Structures are given as C-alpha cells and as structure tokens.
Amino acid sequence: ILVEREIYMPKKKMEHYSNLKAMERAMCQLTRGTLEADIEKAKAVNIWELYDFENKHGAMARCPFHQDDTPSFRVKGNKFLCFGCGVRGDAIDFIQQMQHIPFWQAVEFLVRKYG
C-alpha cells in the first residue's frame, strides 16, 4: 500500500503519516460505520477515471492541484504523485483533496460511484 510513499518520504515522517491514516480509518469505522472492505474498494479505483486530466502523456499529466505548464503529475496504478507540488496518495486522497471533504465522505463517494 505505502510502497510509493516510502520512496519519496523520510522514514520518520512515513511512520507518522501511517499512524495518522490508521487513526483516521479507525475513527471512520466507529463514527460512520465505514468498513475496511469499502476502504479497499475505494482505494482500488483508477485515478485516471476520477478527473479529466489536461495534457496527458502516458502515465504523466498536468497536476490538478497547482498551475502546471508541463506534466508533473504521475499515476501508477491507483497511486499518484506530483513532482511539482509534492502531493501524493491513492484514490481516496485524490478525492479528499479535489473536493475538500473528509476521509469517510471520500470513501462513500468512491464506493457509491465506482464500487
């Protein structure tokens, strides 16, 4: 799951990030009834299906999170990384950042639309 993040993030920050994500998932399960199966379905959604990317070339496109003249947004499977602004994650993270919604709403959106 976190293979790409390990490449670009120092180990200490990586552990902190992983802990925060785990706590966020646990809170979602307690407060909203979000199931781990739904989270896995949502994470498996192809990033290319979520947004109409400009200037797409293979696995690269213009980043939707900042002004970008050349493709700096890389997608590999269901993970993404922008070399320009540093944003990275999976389909859930993408929806959270694009729509400015919490984790559980992003999971519900993805499962309802693509699950």
C-alpha atoms as a PDB file:
ATOM      1  CA  ILE A   1       0.000   0.000   0.000  1.00  0.00           C
ATOM      2  CA  LEU A   2       2.630   2.517   1.012  1.00  0.00           C
ATOM      3  CA  VAL A   3       5.404   1.436  -1.372  1.00  0.00           C
ATOM      4  CA  GLU A   4       5.426   4.672  -3.385  1.00  0.00           C
ATOM      5  CA  ARG A   5       5.261   6.800  -0.250  1.00  0.00           C
ATOM      6  CA  GLU A   6       8.340   5.054   1.149  1.00  0.00           C
ATOM      7  CA  ILE A   7      10.362   6.099  -1.873  1.00  0.00           C
ATOM      8  CA  TYR A   8       9.622   9.806  -1.506  1.00  0.00           C
ATOM      9  CA  MET A   9       9.087  10.266   2.238  1.00  0.00           C
ATOM     10  CA  PRO A  10      11.639  10.014   5.078  1.00  0.00           C
ATOM     11  CA  LYS A  11      11.027   7.006   7.325  1.00  0.00           C
ATOM     12  CA  LYS A  12      10.090   9.023  10.432  1.00  0.00           C
ATOM     13  CA  LYS A  13       7.505  11.080   8.534  1.00  0.00           C
ATOM     14  CA  MET A  14       6.290   7.904   6.854  1.00  0.00           C
ATOM     15  CA  GLU A  15       5.592   6.251  10.217  1.00  0.00           C
ATOM     16  CA  HIS A  16       3.780   9.349  11.471  1.00  0.00           C
ATOM     17  CA  TYR A  17       1.717   9.536   8.279  1.00  0.00           C
ATOM     18  CA  SER A  18       0.823   5.836   8.525  1.00  0.00           C
ATOM     19  CA  ASN A  19      -0.261   6.245  12.148  1.00  0.00           C
ATOM     20  CA  LEU A  20      -2.469   9.213  11.271  1.00  0.00           C
ATOM     21  CA  LYS A  21      -4.106   7.287   8.411  1.00  0.00           C
ATOM     22  CA  ALA A  22      -4.743   4.295  10.704  1.00  0.00           C
ATOM     23  CA  MET A  23      -6.352   6.531  13.341  1.00  0.00           C
ATOM     24  CA  GLU A  24      -8.475   8.225  10.683  1.00  0.00           C
ATOM     25  CA  ARG A  25      -9.716   4.842   9.438  1.00  0.00           C
ATOM     26  CA  ALA A  26     -10.494   3.676  12.974  1.00  0.00           C
ATOM     27  CA  MET A  27     -12.487   6.832  13.674  1.00  0.00           C
ATOM     28  CA  CYS A  28     -14.421   6.392  10.440  1.00  0.00           C
ATOM     29  CA  GLN A  29     -15.328   2.849  11.359  1.00  0.00           C
ATOM     30  CA  LEU A  30     -16.513   3.917  14.813  1.00  0.00           C
ATOM     31  CA  THR A  31     -18.392   7.067  13.855  1.00  0.00           C
ATOM     32  CA  ARG A  32     -19.625   6.401  10.322  1.00  0.00           C
ATOM     33  CA  GLY A  33     -19.606   2.634  10.009  1.00  0.00           C
ATOM     34  CA  THR A  34     -17.129   2.761   7.140  1.00  0.00           C
ATOM     35  CA  LEU A  35     -15.995  -0.797   6.562  1.00  0.00           C
ATOM     36  CA  GLU A  36     -12.466  -1.892   5.679  1.00  0.00           C
ATOM     37  CA  ALA A  37     -13.890  -3.628   2.586  1.00  0.00           C
ATOM     38  CA  ASP A  38     -15.326  -0.295   1.402  1.00  0.00           C
ATOM     39  CA  ILE A  39     -11.986   1.397   2.008  1.00  0.00           C
ATOM     40  CA  GLU A  40     -10.186  -1.240  -0.056  1.00  0.00           C
ATOM     41  CA  LYS A  41     -12.734  -0.877  -2.891  1.00  0.00           C
ATOM     42  CA  ALA A  42     -12.314   2.897  -2.842  1.00  0.00           C
ATOM     43  CA  LYS A  43      -8.518   2.668  -2.869  1.00  0.00           C
ATOM     44  CA  ALA A  44      -8.620   0.373  -5.917  1.00  0.00           C
ATOM     45  CA  VAL A  45     -10.316   2.967  -8.158  1.00  0.00           C
ATOM     46  CA  ASN A  46      -8.158   4.042 -11.096  1.00  0.00           C
ATOM     47  CA  ILE A  47      -7.021   7.660 -10.698  1.00  0.00           C
ATOM     48  CA  TRP A  48      -7.451   8.352 -14.430  1.00  0.00           C
ATOM     49  CA  GLU A  49     -11.217   7.774 -14.069  1.00  0.00           C
ATOM     50  CA  LEU A  50     -11.590  10.415 -11.353  1.00  0.00           C
ATOM     51  CA  TYR A  51     -10.669  13.553 -13.270  1.00  0.00           C
ATOM     52  CA  ASP A  52     -10.351  14.838 -16.830  1.00  0.00           C
ATOM     53  CA  PHE A  53      -6.603  15.456 -16.879  1.00  0.00           C
ATOM     54  CA  GLU A  54      -5.069  18.019 -19.237  1.00  0.00           C
ATOM     55  CA  ASN A  55      -2.042  17.233 -21.388  1.00  0.00           C
ATOM     56  CA  LYS A  56      -1.973  13.536 -20.500  1.00  0.00           C
ATOM     57  CA  HIS A  57       1.092  11.692 -21.808  1.00  0.00           C
ATOM     58  CA  GLY A  58       1.237   8.040 -20.799  1.00  0.00           C
ATOM     59  CA  ALA A  59       1.470   7.938 -17.000  1.00  0.00           C
ATOM     60  CA  MET A  60       2.047  11.717 -16.698  1.00  0.00           C
ATOM     61  CA  ALA A  61      -0.368  14.654 -16.804  1.00  0.00           C
ATOM     62  CA  ARG A  62      -0.708  18.243 -15.629  1.00  0.00           C
ATOM     63  CA  CYS A  63      -1.341  18.400 -11.895  1.00  0.00           C
ATOM     64  CA  PRO A  64      -4.905  19.413 -10.969  1.00  0.00           C
ATOM     65  CA  PHE A  65      -3.714  20.830  -7.614  1.00  0.00           C
ATOM     66  CA  HIS A  66      -1.482  23.659  -8.910  1.00  0.00           C
ATOM     67  CA  GLN A  67      -0.701  25.673 -12.046  1.00  0.00           C
ATOM     68  CA  ASP A  68       1.383  23.399 -14.204  1.00  0.00           C
ATOM     69  CA  ASP A  69       2.891  24.103 -17.628  1.00  0.00           C
ATOM     70  CA  THR A  70       4.329  20.644 -18.167  1.00  0.00           C
ATOM     71  CA  PRO A  71       3.129  17.241 -16.956  1.00  0.00           C
ATOM     72  CA  SER A  72       4.433  16.652 -13.432  1.00  0.00           C
ATOM     73  CA  PHE A  73       1.586  14.515 -12.085  1.00  0.00           C
ATOM     74  CA  ARG A  74       2.463  10.808 -12.245  1.00  0.00           C
ATOM     75  CA  VAL A  75      -0.034   7.959 -11.893  1.00  0.00           C
ATOM     76  CA  LYS A  76       0.996   4.369 -11.301  1.00  0.00           C
ATOM     77  CA  GLY A  77      -1.919   2.010 -10.822  1.00  0.00           C
ATOM     78  CA  ASN A  78      -4.149   3.536  -8.179  1.00  0.00           C
ATOM     79  CA  LYS A  79      -1.465   5.814  -6.695  1.00  0.00           C
ATOM     80  CA  PHE A  80      -0.417   9.309  -7.725  1.00  0.00           C
ATOM     81  CA  LEU A  81       2.466  11.704  -7.100  1.00  0.00           C
ATOM     82  CA  CYS A  82       3.090  15.263  -8.263  1.00  0.00           C
ATOM     83  CA  PHE A  83       6.756  16.121  -8.636  1.00  0.00           C
ATOM     84  CA  GLY A  84       5.853  19.825  -8.704  1.00  0.00           C
ATOM     85  CA  CYS A  85       3.842  20.340  -5.510  1.00  0.00           C
ATOM     86  CA  GLY A  86       4.600  17.058  -3.717  1.00  0.00           C
ATOM     87  CA  VAL A  87       1.008  15.887  -3.299  1.00  0.00           C
ATOM     88  CA  ARG A  88       0.653  12.084  -3.312  1.00  0.00           C
ATOM     89  CA  GLY A  89      -1.698   9.306  -2.336  1.00  0.00           C
ATOM     90  CA  ASP A  90      -4.373   6.949  -3.568  1.00  0.00           C
ATOM     91  CA  ALA A  91      -7.895   7.449  -4.942  1.00  0.00           C
ATOM     92  CA  ILE A  92      -9.263   8.369  -1.511  1.00  0.00           C
ATOM     93  CA  ASP A  93      -6.578  11.024  -1.008  1.00  0.00           C
ATOM     94  CA  PHE A  94      -7.229  12.377  -4.516  1.00  0.00           C
ATOM     95  CA  ILE A  95     -10.965  12.823  -3.884  1.00  0.00           C
ATOM     96  CA  GLN A  96     -10.341  14.318  -0.436  1.00  0.00           C
ATOM     97  CA  GLN A  97      -8.039  16.957  -1.883  1.00  0.00           C
ATOM     98  CA  MET A  98     -10.062  17.690  -5.023  1.00  0.00           C
ATOM     99  CA  GLN A  99     -13.407  18.070  -3.260  1.00  0.00           C
ATOM    100  CA  HIS A 100     -12.136  19.193   0.178  1.00  0.00           C
ATOM    101  CA  ILE A 101     -14.094  16.518   2.016  1.00  0.00           C
ATOM    102  CA  PRO A 102     -13.226  14.226   4.954  1.00  0.00           C
ATOM    103  CA  PHE A 103     -11.985  10.675   4.590  1.00  0.00           C
ATOM    104  CA  TRP A 104     -15.326   8.934   5.217  1.00  0.00           C
ATOM    105  CA  GLN A 105     -17.133  11.079   2.622  1.00  0.00           C
ATOM    106  CA  ALA A 106     -14.450  10.332   0.045  1.00  0.00           C
ATOM    107  CA  VAL A 107     -14.809   6.593   0.719  1.00  0.00           C
ATOM    108  CA  GLU A 108     -18.601   6.789   0.433  1.00  0.00           C
ATOM    109  CA  PHE A 109     -18.340   8.796  -2.805  1.00  0.00           C
ATOM    110  CA  LEU A 110     -15.934   6.339  -4.427  1.00  0.00           C
ATOM    111  CA  VAL A 111     -17.858   3.237  -3.340  1.00  0.00           C
ATOM    112  CA  ARG A 112     -21.177   4.706  -4.478  1.00  0.00           C
ATOM    113  CA  LYS A 113     -19.831   5.862  -7.858  1.00  0.00           C
ATOM    114  CA  TYR A 114     -17.224   3.205  -8.701  1.00  0.00           C
ATOM    115  CA  GLY A 115     -17.687   0.379  -6.184  1.00  0.00           C
END
